[in-house]
Protein backbone atom coordinates (compact mmCIF):
# COMPACT_ATOMS: atom_id res chain seq x y z
CA MET A 1 -14.69 -148.76 212.65
CA SER A 2 -16.62 -145.98 214.31
CA PRO A 3 -19.02 -143.86 212.29
CA GLU A 4 -16.96 -140.80 213.30
CA LEU A 5 -13.76 -142.29 211.86
CA GLU A 6 -15.57 -143.27 208.68
CA GLN A 7 -17.03 -139.76 208.32
CA THR A 8 -13.65 -138.14 208.95
CA SER A 9 -11.99 -140.43 206.41
CA PHE A 10 -14.57 -139.57 203.75
CA SER A 11 -14.21 -135.88 204.58
CA ILE A 12 -10.46 -136.10 204.01
CA ILE A 13 -10.91 -137.99 200.73
CA ALA A 14 -13.52 -135.56 199.40
CA SER A 15 -11.61 -132.41 200.36
CA VAL A 16 -8.18 -133.41 199.16
CA GLY A 17 -9.59 -135.08 196.06
CA ALA A 18 -11.21 -131.80 195.08
CA ALA A 19 -7.96 -129.98 195.89
CA ARG A 20 -6.00 -132.33 193.66
CA SER A 21 -8.49 -131.81 190.83
CA ASN A 22 -8.05 -128.05 191.17
CA TYR A 23 -4.26 -128.42 191.06
CA ILE A 24 -4.43 -130.50 187.89
CA GLU A 25 -6.83 -128.05 186.25
CA ALA A 26 -4.50 -125.20 187.25
CA ILE A 27 -1.69 -126.85 185.27
CA HIS A 28 -3.97 -127.13 182.23
CA ARG A 29 -5.02 -123.48 182.55
CA ALA A 30 -1.40 -122.34 182.80
CA LYS A 31 -0.48 -124.43 179.78
CA ASP A 32 -3.21 -122.55 177.88
CA GLY A 33 -1.86 -119.21 179.13
CA ASP A 34 -4.65 -118.52 181.63
CA PHE A 35 -2.44 -117.66 184.59
CA ASP A 36 -5.14 -115.81 186.55
CA GLY A 37 -7.36 -118.88 186.28
CA ALA A 38 -4.47 -121.12 187.30
CA ASP A 39 -3.68 -118.95 190.33
CA GLN A 40 -7.34 -118.98 191.36
CA LEU A 41 -7.54 -122.77 191.08
CA ILE A 42 -4.40 -123.21 193.17
CA ALA A 43 -5.78 -120.88 195.84
CA GLU A 44 -9.07 -122.81 195.89
CA GLY A 45 -7.14 -126.07 196.00
CA GLU A 46 -5.13 -124.87 198.97
CA LYS A 47 -8.31 -124.03 200.89
CA LEU A 48 -9.75 -127.46 200.17
CA PHE A 49 -6.48 -129.14 201.13
CA VAL A 50 -6.51 -127.36 204.50
CA VAL A 51 -9.99 -128.76 205.21
CA GLY A 52 -8.71 -132.29 204.62
CA HIS A 53 -5.49 -131.65 206.51
CA ASP A 54 -7.38 -130.27 209.50
CA ALA A 55 -9.66 -133.32 209.59
CA HIS A 56 -6.60 -135.57 209.54
CA PHE A 57 -4.88 -133.50 212.19
CA SER A 58 -7.90 -133.87 214.48
CA LEU A 59 -7.35 -137.64 214.38
CA ILE A 60 -3.70 -137.18 215.26
CA GLN A 61 -4.62 -134.93 218.18
CA LYS A 62 -7.08 -137.51 219.52
CA GLU A 63 -4.48 -140.24 219.31
CA ALA A 64 -1.91 -138.03 221.02
CA ALA A 65 -4.44 -137.54 223.83
CA GLY A 66 -4.68 -141.31 224.29
CA GLU A 67 -7.69 -142.11 222.12
CA GLN A 68 -6.52 -145.01 219.97
CA THR A 69 -7.55 -144.91 216.31
CA ALA A 70 -8.49 -148.30 214.93
CA PHE A 71 -6.86 -149.39 211.71
CA ALA A 72 -9.16 -148.96 208.75
CA LEU A 73 -8.42 -149.34 205.08
CA ILE A 74 -10.53 -146.25 204.32
CA LEU A 75 -8.34 -144.18 206.65
CA MET A 76 -5.21 -145.48 204.95
CA HIS A 77 -6.75 -144.49 201.61
CA ALA A 78 -7.58 -141.03 203.00
CA GLU A 79 -3.97 -140.56 204.13
CA ASP A 80 -2.71 -141.69 200.72
CA GLN A 81 -4.99 -139.17 199.03
CA LEU A 82 -3.82 -136.46 201.42
CA MET A 83 -0.17 -137.08 200.55
CA SER A 84 -0.96 -137.28 196.84
CA ALA A 85 -2.82 -133.96 196.90
CA GLU A 86 0.04 -132.32 198.75
CA ALA A 87 2.49 -133.48 196.08
CA PHE A 88 0.17 -132.32 193.29
CA GLY A 89 -0.09 -128.91 194.94
CA ILE A 90 3.68 -128.53 195.03
CA LEU A 91 4.03 -129.68 191.43
CA ALA A 92 1.16 -127.49 190.20
CA LYS A 93 2.86 -124.40 191.60
CA GLU A 94 6.08 -125.37 189.85
CA PHE A 95 4.33 -126.08 186.54
CA VAL A 96 2.41 -122.80 186.64
CA ALA A 97 5.61 -120.89 187.39
CA SER A 98 7.38 -122.67 184.52
CA TYR A 99 4.58 -121.98 182.05
CA ARG A 100 4.47 -118.37 183.21
CA LYS A 101 8.21 -118.01 182.63
CA MET A 102 7.96 -119.61 179.18
CA ALA A 103 5.18 -117.18 178.26
CA GLU A 104 7.30 -114.24 179.41
CA LEU A 105 10.29 -115.43 177.41
CA ALA A 106 8.13 -115.91 174.30
CA GLN A 107 7.14 -112.24 174.28
C-alpha cells in the first residue's frame, strides 16, 4: 500500500469518526432538550463528514482516471466508517426532529 493511500484512509477514518461522534452527541443533547446544541453538533458533523467524503471521492476520481487503487484492509475500514457515519447523520437528524416534536407537544 502506498503511503498516500494509507494517509487518505486514515484521513477518512478520523474525519468521519469525529462526524459520527458529533451525531451521537447531538442525539443526547436533543434528548436533554438542548436543541441548539444538537443542531450545532449536526452542523459540525456534516462539515467533518464532507472532509472524509471528499478524501474518498479523490480516490474514486483517480481510479476513474485509470490509476488503480490497491486493495487494502484499512481502506475497506475507512469506507465502512464512511457509510456508518452517513447513516448516523441521517438517524441523528430524525432523532433530533422527533425529540423536538415531543418537546413541543409536551408544552
